[in-house]
Amino acid sequence: MTTRQTVSVPDAAPAENRRIAALRQAAQDKHEQAVQRAEAGIRRLVKAGEEINFRAVARAAGVSLDFLYAHADLRKRIETLRGQQRADHRPLRQNPSGRRRHGDP
């Protein structure tokens, strides 16, 4: 989990600067909450044995596809899990006789 960083504003700062700092803090909090929702969505999908892809995670987490693609750590995690699932579910290649070919996994 990430730790919340607070934006400090001197007490003597004009009201406008305090509002700007509050807006920045709210945006940072919203971003962190979205990351946490995405991580929780990934965990739920994995636990349920469901397919991991960007659309499924976005739907499970209530975040946008753009958010997932733009967040490098989440993107890499989804791509890795998706690749693992594809490798786990890859069907055996067969020759026309229906038998496995030599050297096939």
C-alpha atoms as a PDB file:
ATOM      1  CA  MET A   1       0.000   0.000   0.000  1.00  0.00           C
ATOM      2  CA  THR A   2       1.097   3.523  -0.549  1.00  0.00           C
ATOM      3  CA  THR A   3       1.405   6.005   2.247  1.00  0.00           C
ATOM      4  CA  ARG A   4      -0.426   9.260   2.092  1.00  0.00           C
ATOM      5  CA  GLN A   5       1.768  12.298   1.687  1.00  0.00           C
ATOM      6  CA  THR A   6       0.324  15.558   2.855  1.00  0.00           C
ATOM      7  CA  VAL A   7       0.970  18.816   1.156  1.00  0.00           C
ATOM      8  CA  SER A   8       1.922  21.397   3.731  1.00  0.00           C
ATOM      9  CA  VAL A   9       0.993  25.034   3.285  1.00  0.00           C
ATOM     10  CA  PRO A  10       2.224  27.762   5.602  1.00  0.00           C
ATOM     11  CA  ASP A  11      -0.532  29.311   7.717  1.00  0.00           C
ATOM     12  CA  ALA A  12       0.295  32.718   6.277  1.00  0.00           C
ATOM     13  CA  ALA A  13      -0.361  31.575   2.700  1.00  0.00           C
ATOM     14  CA  PRO A  14      -3.147  33.359   0.890  1.00  0.00           C
ATOM     15  CA  ALA A  15      -6.464  31.549   0.682  1.00  0.00           C
ATOM     16  CA  GLU A  16      -5.897  30.830  -3.015  1.00  0.00           C
ATOM     17  CA  ASN A  17      -2.715  28.881  -2.290  1.00  0.00           C
ATOM     18  CA  ARG A  18      -4.494  26.851   0.388  1.00  0.00           C
ATOM     19  CA  ARG A  19      -7.278  26.020  -2.073  1.00  0.00           C
ATOM     20  CA  ILE A  20      -4.742  24.963  -4.700  1.00  0.00           C
ATOM     21  CA  ALA A  21      -2.962  22.758  -2.158  1.00  0.00           C
ATOM     22  CA  ALA A  22      -6.289  21.243  -1.089  1.00  0.00           C
ATOM     23  CA  LEU A  23      -7.189  20.487  -4.707  1.00  0.00           C
ATOM     24  CA  ARG A  24      -3.804  18.887  -5.329  1.00  0.00           C
ATOM     25  CA  GLN A  25      -4.184  16.761  -2.208  1.00  0.00           C
ATOM     26  CA  ALA A  26      -7.691  15.712  -3.269  1.00  0.00           C
ATOM     27  CA  ALA A  27      -6.415  14.727  -6.715  1.00  0.00           C
ATOM     28  CA  GLN A  28      -3.566  12.730  -5.174  1.00  0.00           C
ATOM     29  CA  ASP A  29      -5.981  10.973  -2.795  1.00  0.00           C
ATOM     30  CA  LYS A  30      -8.335  10.155  -5.672  1.00  0.00           C
ATOM     31  CA  HIS A  31      -5.447   8.712  -7.687  1.00  0.00           C
ATOM     32  CA  GLU A  32      -4.254   6.564  -4.775  1.00  0.00           C
ATOM     33  CA  GLN A  33      -7.785   5.272  -4.196  1.00  0.00           C
ATOM     34  CA  ALA A  34      -8.069   4.330  -7.871  1.00  0.00           C
ATOM     35  CA  VAL A  35      -4.749   2.449  -7.690  1.00  0.00           C
ATOM     36  CA  GLN A  36      -5.969   0.580  -4.601  1.00  0.00           C
ATOM     37  CA  ARG A  37      -9.267  -0.283  -6.331  1.00  0.00           C
ATOM     38  CA  ALA A  38      -7.363  -1.564  -9.372  1.00  0.00           C
ATOM     39  CA  GLU A  39      -5.098  -3.719  -7.208  1.00  0.00           C
ATOM     40  CA  ALA A  40      -8.106  -5.093  -5.329  1.00  0.00           C
ATOM     41  CA  GLY A  41      -9.875  -5.784  -8.633  1.00  0.00           C
ATOM     42  CA  ILE A  42      -6.879  -7.733  -9.901  1.00  0.00           C
ATOM     43  CA  ARG A  43      -6.773  -9.786  -6.694  1.00  0.00           C
ATOM     44  CA  ARG A  44     -10.511 -10.554  -6.961  1.00  0.00           C
ATOM     45  CA  LEU A  45     -10.183 -11.680 -10.578  1.00  0.00           C
ATOM     46  CA  VAL A  46      -7.196 -13.898  -9.794  1.00  0.00           C
ATOM     47  CA  LYS A  47      -8.932 -15.419  -6.765  1.00  0.00           C
ATOM     48  CA  ALA A  48     -12.067 -16.114  -8.797  1.00  0.00           C
ATOM     49  CA  GLY A  49     -10.010 -17.664 -11.603  1.00  0.00           C
ATOM     50  CA  GLU A  50     -11.391 -15.184 -14.114  1.00  0.00           C
ATOM     51  CA  GLU A  51      -9.613 -13.924 -17.198  1.00  0.00           C
ATOM     52  CA  ILE A  52      -7.200 -11.074 -16.531  1.00  0.00           C
ATOM     53  CA  ASN A  53      -7.226  -8.331 -19.128  1.00  0.00           C
ATOM     54  CA  PHE A  54      -7.478  -4.568 -19.097  1.00  0.00           C
ATOM     55  CA  ARG A  55     -11.245  -4.475 -19.622  1.00  0.00           C
ATOM     56  CA  ALA A  56     -11.933  -6.991 -16.858  1.00  0.00           C
ATOM     57  CA  VAL A  57      -9.742  -5.111 -14.386  1.00  0.00           C
ATOM     58  CA  ALA A  58     -11.245  -1.750 -15.342  1.00  0.00           C
ATOM     59  CA  ARG A  59     -14.745  -3.147 -14.861  1.00  0.00           C
ATOM     60  CA  ALA A  60     -13.890  -4.871 -11.552  1.00  0.00           C
ATOM     61  CA  ALA A  61     -12.150  -1.786 -10.158  1.00  0.00           C
ATOM     62  CA  GLY A  62     -14.366   0.960 -11.502  1.00  0.00           C
ATOM     63  CA  VAL A  63     -11.462   2.693 -13.261  1.00  0.00           C
ATOM     64  CA  SER A  64     -10.915   3.634 -16.879  1.00  0.00           C
ATOM     65  CA  LEU A  65      -8.855   1.759 -19.420  1.00  0.00           C
ATOM     66  CA  ASP A  66      -6.793   4.919 -19.904  1.00  0.00           C
ATOM     67  CA  PHE A  67      -5.946   4.941 -16.192  1.00  0.00           C
ATOM     68  CA  LEU A  68      -4.716   1.349 -16.315  1.00  0.00           C
ATOM     69  CA  TYR A  69      -2.658   1.879 -19.463  1.00  0.00           C
ATOM     70  CA  ALA A  70      -1.141   5.096 -18.078  1.00  0.00           C
ATOM     71  CA  HIS A  71      -0.118   3.559 -14.735  1.00  0.00           C
ATOM     72  CA  ALA A  72       3.102   1.664 -15.541  1.00  0.00           C
ATOM     73  CA  ASP A  73       3.065  -0.691 -12.525  1.00  0.00           C
ATOM     74  CA  LEU A  74      -0.546  -1.730 -13.017  1.00  0.00           C
ATOM     75  CA  ARG A  75      -0.058  -2.105 -16.755  1.00  0.00           C
ATOM     76  CA  LYS A  76       2.943  -4.388 -16.323  1.00  0.00           C
ATOM     77  CA  ARG A  77       1.138  -6.486 -13.701  1.00  0.00           C
ATOM     78  CA  ILE A  78      -1.935  -6.960 -15.898  1.00  0.00           C
ATOM     79  CA  GLU A  79       0.190  -7.817 -18.937  1.00  0.00           C
ATOM     80  CA  THR A  80       2.188 -10.351 -16.902  1.00  0.00           C
ATOM     81  CA  LEU A  81      -0.902 -12.034 -15.446  1.00  0.00           C
ATOM     82  CA  ARG A  82      -2.596 -12.076 -18.845  1.00  0.00           C
ATOM     83  CA  GLY A  83       0.482 -13.703 -20.369  1.00  0.00           C
ATOM     84  CA  GLN A  84       0.614 -16.319 -17.620  1.00  0.00           C
ATOM     85  CA  GLN A  85      -3.026 -17.206 -18.182  1.00  0.00           C
ATOM     86  CA  ARG A  86      -2.499 -17.565 -21.916  1.00  0.00           C
ATOM     87  CA  ALA A  87       0.499 -19.832 -21.343  1.00  0.00           C
ATOM     88  CA  ASP A  88      -1.472 -21.938 -18.841  1.00  0.00           C
ATOM     89  CA  HIS A  89      -4.407 -22.386 -21.228  1.00  0.00           C
ATOM     90  CA  ARG A  90      -2.485 -22.911 -24.471  1.00  0.00           C
ATOM     91  CA  PRO A  91      -3.876 -25.987 -26.229  1.00  0.00           C
ATOM     92  CA  LEU A  92      -1.547 -28.719 -27.436  1.00  0.00           C
ATOM     93  CA  ARG A  93      -0.743 -28.536 -31.130  1.00  0.00           C
ATOM     94  CA  GLN A  94      -1.798 -31.668 -32.946  1.00  0.00           C
ATOM     95  CA  ASN A  95      -1.077 -33.077 -36.353  1.00  0.00           C
ATOM     96  CA  PRO A  96      -3.941 -34.060 -38.689  1.00  0.00           C
ATOM     97  CA  SER A  97      -4.054 -37.594 -37.253  1.00  0.00           C
ATOM     98  CA  GLY A  98      -4.951 -36.150 -33.857  1.00  0.00           C
ATOM     99  CA  ARG A  99      -1.738 -37.279 -32.186  1.00  0.00           C
ATOM    100  CA  ARG A 100       0.715 -34.984 -30.488  1.00  0.00           C
ATOM    101  CA  ARG A 101       3.702 -34.179 -32.631  1.00  0.00           C
ATOM    102  CA  HIS A 102       7.195 -34.893 -31.424  1.00  0.00           C
ATOM    103  CA  GLY A 103       8.649 -31.864 -29.657  1.00  0.00           C
ATOM    104  CA  ASP A 104       5.268 -30.297 -28.912  1.00  0.00           C
ATOM    105  CA  PRO A 105       4.793 -29.237 -25.310  1.00  0.00           C
END
